[in-house]
Protein backbone atom coordinates (compact mmCIF):
# COMPACT_ATOMS: atom_id res chain seq x y z
CA UNK A 1 49.35 27.01 -11.49
CA UNK A 2 51.35 25.93 -8.43
CA UNK A 3 52.82 29.37 -7.78
CA UNK A 4 49.44 31.09 -8.08
CA UNK A 5 47.79 28.50 -5.83
CA UNK A 6 50.49 28.98 -3.19
CA UNK A 7 49.93 32.73 -3.24
CA UNK A 8 46.14 32.48 -3.02
CA UNK A 9 46.26 29.83 -0.27
CA UNK A 10 48.57 31.92 1.90
CA UNK A 11 46.77 35.24 1.43
CA UNK A 12 44.49 35.94 4.42
CA UNK A 13 42.80 38.73 2.43
CA UNK A 14 41.40 36.25 -0.12
CA UNK A 15 37.96 34.72 0.31
CA UNK A 16 37.87 31.46 2.28
CA UNK A 17 36.36 29.60 -0.68
CA UNK A 18 39.19 30.71 -3.01
CA UNK A 19 41.83 29.76 -0.45
CA UNK A 20 40.21 26.36 0.09
CA UNK A 21 40.15 25.66 -3.67
CA UNK A 22 43.82 26.69 -3.92
CA UNK A 23 44.69 24.35 -1.06
CA UNK A 24 42.81 21.53 -2.75
CA UNK A 25 44.82 22.15 -5.93
CA UNK A 26 48.08 22.21 -3.97
CA UNK A 27 47.16 18.92 -2.33
CA UNK A 28 46.63 17.40 -5.77
CA UNK A 29 49.94 18.80 -7.07
CA UNK A 30 51.86 17.27 -4.17
CA UNK A 31 55.26 18.83 -4.80
CA UNK A 32 57.48 19.68 -1.85
CA UNK A 33 56.70 23.38 -2.29
CA UNK A 34 52.96 22.71 -2.49
CA UNK A 35 52.97 20.53 0.64
CA UNK A 36 55.08 23.11 2.51
CA UNK A 37 52.55 25.82 1.63
CA UNK A 38 49.65 23.66 2.77
CA UNK A 39 51.42 22.84 6.06
CA UNK A 40 52.00 26.55 6.61
CA UNK A 41 48.30 27.27 6.34
CA UNK A 42 47.32 24.20 8.39
CA UNK A 43 49.45 25.18 11.38
CA UNK A 44 48.69 28.91 11.38
CA UNK A 45 46.38 29.44 14.39
CA UNK A 46 44.97 32.66 12.92
CA UNK A 47 43.70 30.84 9.83
CA UNK A 48 39.90 30.75 9.69
CA UNK A 49 38.52 27.27 10.47
CA UNK A 50 37.16 26.56 6.96
CA UNK A 51 40.53 27.29 5.37
CA UNK A 52 42.44 25.41 8.06
CA UNK A 53 40.19 22.38 7.57
CA UNK A 54 40.78 22.54 3.80
CA UNK A 55 44.54 22.59 4.42
CA UNK A 56 44.37 19.63 6.77
CA UNK A 57 42.20 17.67 4.30
CA UNK A 58 44.65 18.48 1.49
CA UNK A 59 47.44 17.00 3.59
CA UNK A 60 45.41 13.85 4.15
CA UNK A 61 44.81 13.46 0.42
CA UNK A 62 48.53 13.65 -0.24
CA UNK A 63 49.63 11.34 2.54
CA UNK A 64 53.04 10.19 1.23
CA UNK A 65 54.34 13.74 0.89
CA UNK A 66 52.57 14.89 4.05
CA UNK A 67 54.30 12.42 6.38
CA UNK A 68 56.51 15.26 7.62
CA UNK A 69 53.35 17.07 8.73
CA UNK A 70 52.48 14.47 11.38
CA UNK A 71 53.46 16.72 14.28
CA UNK A 72 51.31 19.74 13.33
CA UNK A 73 48.41 17.46 12.42
CA UNK A 74 48.65 15.71 15.78
CA UNK A 75 48.78 19.08 17.54
CA UNK A 76 45.63 20.22 15.73
CA UNK A 77 43.84 16.94 16.48
CA UNK A 78 44.70 17.09 20.18
CA UNK A 79 43.96 20.75 20.81
CA UNK A 80 40.52 21.16 22.43
CA UNK A 81 40.51 24.84 21.43
CA UNK A 82 40.66 23.97 17.71
CA UNK A 83 37.22 23.67 16.12
CA UNK A 84 35.79 20.17 15.87
CA UNK A 85 35.87 19.77 12.12
CA UNK A 86 39.54 20.79 11.90
CA UNK A 87 40.32 18.21 14.60
CA UNK A 88 38.27 15.61 12.72
CA UNK A 89 40.07 16.42 9.46
CA UNK A 90 43.44 16.21 11.23
CA UNK A 91 42.63 12.75 12.59
CA UNK A 92 41.54 11.57 9.14
CA UNK A 93 44.74 12.99 7.64
CA UNK A 94 46.81 11.15 10.26
CA UNK A 95 44.93 7.99 9.32
CA UNK A 96 45.76 8.51 5.66
CA UNK A 97 49.44 9.07 6.42
CA UNK A 98 49.67 5.64 8.03
CA UNK A 99 49.81 3.61 11.21
CA UNK A 100 52.95 5.30 12.51
CA UNK A 101 51.32 8.74 12.51
CA UNK A 102 50.51 9.55 16.16
CA UNK A 103 49.13 6.13 17.19
CA UNK A 104 48.90 7.02 20.89
CA UNK A 105 46.93 10.20 20.15
CA UNK A 106 44.46 8.35 17.91
CA UNK A 107 43.96 5.65 20.57
CA UNK A 108 43.54 8.22 23.37
CA UNK A 109 40.99 10.31 21.47
CA UNK A 110 39.09 7.18 20.43
CA UNK A 111 38.87 6.12 24.07
CA UNK A 112 37.82 9.54 25.39
CA UNK A 113 34.03 9.69 25.85
CA UNK A 114 34.32 13.46 26.48
CA UNK A 115 35.78 14.13 23.02
CA UNK A 116 33.32 15.88 20.70
CA UNK A 117 31.37 13.30 18.66
CA UNK A 118 32.86 14.17 15.23
CA UNK A 119 36.36 14.02 16.70
CA UNK A 120 35.90 10.79 18.63
CA UNK A 121 34.17 8.95 15.80
CA UNK A 122 36.90 10.00 13.36
CA UNK A 123 39.49 8.66 15.81
CA UNK A 124 37.53 5.41 16.15
CA UNK A 125 37.45 4.97 12.38
CA UNK A 126 41.20 5.61 12.08
CA UNK A 127 41.87 3.31 15.04
CA UNK A 128 39.76 0.60 13.43
CA UNK A 129 41.45 1.00 10.06
CA UNK A 130 44.82 0.58 11.73
CA UNK A 131 43.97 -2.89 12.96
CA UNK A 132 41.90 -2.39 16.10
CA UNK A 133 38.68 -3.05 14.19
CA UNK A 134 37.00 -5.11 16.89
CA UNK A 135 37.63 -2.55 19.62
CA UNK A 136 36.57 0.37 17.44
CA UNK A 137 33.46 -1.43 16.21
CA UNK A 138 32.54 -2.39 19.78
CA UNK A 139 32.90 1.23 20.95
CA UNK A 140 30.71 2.52 18.10
CA UNK A 141 28.05 -0.14 18.74
CA UNK A 142 28.07 0.78 22.44
CA UNK A 143 27.58 4.46 21.57
CA UNK A 144 24.62 3.58 19.36
CA UNK A 145 23.08 1.32 22.01
CA UNK A 146 23.61 3.74 24.89
CA UNK A 147 20.23 5.23 25.88
CA UNK A 148 22.08 8.16 27.51
CA UNK A 149 23.94 9.06 24.29
CA UNK A 150 22.38 12.09 22.64
CA UNK A 151 21.22 12.19 19.03
CA UNK A 152 24.22 14.28 18.00
CA UNK A 153 26.66 11.61 19.17
CA UNK A 154 24.65 8.87 17.46
CA UNK A 155 24.49 10.96 14.29
CA UNK A 156 28.25 10.60 13.97
CA UNK A 157 28.59 7.06 15.31
CA UNK A 158 26.32 5.43 12.71
CA UNK A 159 28.19 6.58 9.57
CA UNK A 160 31.51 5.87 11.32
CA UNK A 161 30.41 2.28 11.92
CA UNK A 162 29.29 1.98 8.29
CA UNK A 163 32.66 3.36 7.15
CA UNK A 164 34.49 0.72 9.20
CA UNK A 165 32.27 -2.01 7.74
CA UNK A 166 33.06 -0.83 4.18
CA UNK A 167 36.75 -0.75 5.03
CA UNK A 168 36.55 -4.33 6.36
CA UNK A 169 34.52 -5.52 3.35
CA UNK A 170 37.14 -4.07 1.01
CA UNK A 171 39.71 -6.31 2.68
CA UNK A 172 41.91 -3.53 3.92
């Protein structure tokens, strides 16, 4: 199953859905070869956004083995030319890897009001989960209370705040 999944995931001629499912399977397998294949897809700039996001999410689900992928994940999260949901997935994957995974990047994106809403709110959640809960919660509450903030920004801020509250309630 691993060999076939690696081949499907890496084949740009396969349908995006099939590649995404193969990446999900590789993330669950978690072997060194599986993680290496997922990293290869995650860092390939020519990979279509849906497949790249699936690769980044697979890395986040397999955080212990994906710790060596911190650099490409940070690069994807920081790159303003990468689509928003790949950047969001990269930030969440960095959060899953742990507090030593690109802490300055997470803090900087969380503090950047010009960052796209899905990206900034993901960074705020990761920042809050890493111990800066008060600052992250305050920033999300300010976004929600800001009369100048558009509905799109608020659409992402509300669930992010709820996610932080659940994280706090769970005692993490």
